[in-house]
Protein backbone atom coordinates (compact mmCIF):
# COMPACT_ATOMS: atom_id res chain seq x y z
CA MET A 1 44.78 -35.70 83.70
CA VAL A 2 47.09 -38.00 82.96
CA SER A 3 49.99 -38.32 84.59
CA ASN A 4 53.23 -37.10 82.26
CA LEU A 5 54.76 -40.22 83.37
CA ALA A 6 51.67 -42.24 82.00
CA HIS A 7 51.85 -40.03 78.58
CA ASP A 8 55.89 -41.31 78.78
CA LYS A 9 54.97 -44.30 79.31
CA ALA A 10 51.77 -44.69 76.01
CA ARG A 11 54.42 -43.27 73.99
CA ALA A 12 57.30 -45.40 74.55
CA ILE A 13 54.84 -48.31 73.86
CA ALA A 14 53.73 -46.64 70.39
CA GLU A 15 57.09 -46.21 69.39
CA ALA A 16 58.21 -49.45 70.60
CA VAL A 17 56.17 -51.29 68.51
CA PRO A 18 57.32 -53.19 65.06
CA ASP A 19 57.25 -51.49 62.20
CA PRO A 20 55.09 -54.71 60.61
CA GLU A 21 57.54 -54.85 57.15
CA LEU A 22 61.34 -54.23 58.76
CA PRO A 23 60.77 -55.77 61.40
CA VAL A 24 63.89 -54.64 62.80
CA LEU A 25 63.36 -51.44 63.07
CA THR A 26 60.57 -49.78 65.48
CA LEU A 27 58.07 -47.34 65.07
CA GLY A 28 59.72 -45.04 67.13
CA ASP A 29 62.79 -45.39 65.13
CA LEU A 30 60.79 -44.96 61.62
CA GLY A 31 59.52 -41.42 63.32
CA ILE A 32 56.73 -42.72 62.43
CA ILE A 33 54.67 -42.02 65.08
CA ARG A 34 54.17 -38.02 65.37
CA ASP A 35 52.97 -37.40 68.40
CA VAL A 36 50.37 -39.72 71.92
CA ALA A 37 47.90 -37.28 73.69
CA ALA A 38 46.86 -39.46 76.95
CA SER A 39 44.00 -38.85 78.57
CA GLY A 40 41.49 -39.99 81.50
CA THR A 41 39.01 -41.06 78.41
CA GLY A 42 41.91 -42.96 76.51
CA VAL A 43 45.37 -42.83 73.76
CA GLU A 44 45.35 -40.85 71.01
CA VAL A 45 48.38 -42.25 68.73
CA THR A 46 48.87 -39.76 65.52
CA ILE A 47 50.68 -41.74 62.39
CA THR A 48 52.73 -40.46 59.32
CA PRO A 49 53.41 -43.04 56.72
CA THR A 50 56.11 -43.53 55.13
CA TYR A 51 54.79 -43.33 51.77
CA SER A 52 51.12 -42.18 51.12
CA GLY A 53 49.70 -45.53 49.97
CA CYS A 54 51.44 -47.78 52.68
CA PRO A 55 49.36 -50.82 52.87
CA ALA A 56 51.01 -51.52 56.22
CA MET A 57 49.01 -48.77 58.25
CA ASN A 58 46.06 -50.43 59.40
CA THR A 59 48.86 -53.20 60.89
CA MET A 60 50.53 -50.33 62.45
CA GLY A 61 47.71 -49.02 63.89
CA MET A 62 46.52 -52.38 65.19
CA ASP A 63 49.49 -53.26 66.53
CA ILE A 64 50.20 -49.83 68.72
CA SER A 65 46.25 -50.15 70.04
CA LEU A 66 46.76 -54.00 70.88
CA ALA A 67 50.29 -52.85 72.38
CA LEU A 68 48.98 -50.23 74.81
CA ALA A 69 46.03 -51.97 75.68
CA GLU A 70 47.96 -55.01 76.47
CA ALA A 71 49.18 -52.14 79.01
CA GLY A 72 46.56 -50.68 80.78
CA PHE A 73 45.74 -48.19 78.75
CA GLY A 74 42.69 -47.52 76.37
CA PRO A 75 40.18 -47.12 74.29
CA VAL A 76 42.53 -46.43 71.74
CA ARG A 77 42.73 -44.01 68.99
CA ILE A 78 45.16 -44.40 65.48
CA LYS A 79 44.83 -40.93 63.86
CA THR A 80 46.45 -40.36 60.74
CA THR A 81 48.35 -37.21 58.96
CA LEU A 82 50.31 -37.27 55.52
CA SER A 83 51.70 -33.43 56.71
CA PRO A 84 54.09 -32.89 57.13
CA ALA A 85 55.25 -35.82 54.84
CA TRP A 86 57.11 -38.56 56.33
CA THR A 87 61.02 -38.14 55.78
CA THR A 88 64.38 -40.48 56.16
CA ASP A 89 65.69 -37.62 57.99
CA TRP A 90 62.98 -38.60 60.76
CA ILE A 91 64.54 -42.10 61.72
CA SER A 92 66.10 -42.07 64.82
CA ALA A 93 69.76 -42.70 65.40
CA GLU A 94 69.29 -46.03 66.85
CA GLY A 95 67.42 -46.83 63.04
CA ARG A 96 70.59 -45.62 61.72
CA ALA A 97 72.87 -47.88 63.52
CA ILE A 98 71.10 -51.29 62.43
CA PRO A 99 73.37 -52.12 59.26
CA GLY A 100 71.87 -51.24 56.00
CA ILE A 101 69.78 -48.53 57.12
CA PRO A 102 71.86 -45.43 56.82
CA ASN A 103 71.15 -46.82 53.14
CA LEU A 104 67.85 -45.72 52.94
CA THR A 105 68.89 -42.32 52.20
CA ASP A 106 65.36 -41.14 51.10
CA ALA A 107 61.23 -41.75 51.08
CA ASP A 108 60.80 -42.54 47.36
CA THR A 109 63.39 -44.96 47.68
CA LEU A 110 62.99 -46.98 50.75
CA ALA A 111 58.55 -47.21 49.87
CA ALA A 112 59.52 -48.02 46.24
CA LEU A 113 61.51 -51.35 48.34
CA LEU A 114 58.96 -52.22 50.63
CA ARG A 115 56.08 -52.02 47.25
CA GLN A 116 58.06 -54.57 45.80
CA PRO A 117 58.90 -57.77 47.86
CA GLU A 118 60.03 -59.66 45.16
CA LEU A 119 63.32 -57.23 45.28
CA TYR A 120 63.79 -58.49 50.08
CA PRO A 121 65.50 -60.73 48.70
CA LEU A 122 68.38 -59.01 47.35
CA PHE A 123 68.85 -56.64 50.87
CA MET A 124 67.13 -58.71 53.27
CA LYS A 125 67.78 -61.60 54.91
CA GLU A 126 64.52 -64.30 55.55
CA VAL A 127 64.14 -64.76 59.67
CA GLY A 128 61.25 -67.67 60.43
CA GLY A 129 59.52 -66.08 56.96
CA LYS A 130 59.78 -62.54 57.68
CA TYR A 131 62.04 -60.25 55.65
CA SER A 132 64.60 -58.12 57.63
CA LEU A 133 67.42 -56.58 57.15
């Protein structure tokens, strides 16, 4: 049995991982982290992609696993669920407070933008070789 404190810490760590495509947002800000289950045998994190073909899912899973392992949690299992489908309603109040984020009003718009890196300069700025809002 894992304490509520350990569970809450594992969830906070997973939610603090930056989104690999929009690094100004965390996975928690985007509402991608659906569940975190911590037990004596490890941690299972359930994530929902912003769209079903999201190419960043493997990176997100690796980043979450690494962050949890560095904090002493393990082994880590990443589980993906597509239902219910992600919606921009899941973006946190903190995420919506970031300039540019309130304009992402639906998942289709966000997904379309993220699939077209050539458009990033139109709505993001380049910082250290990565694009950021």
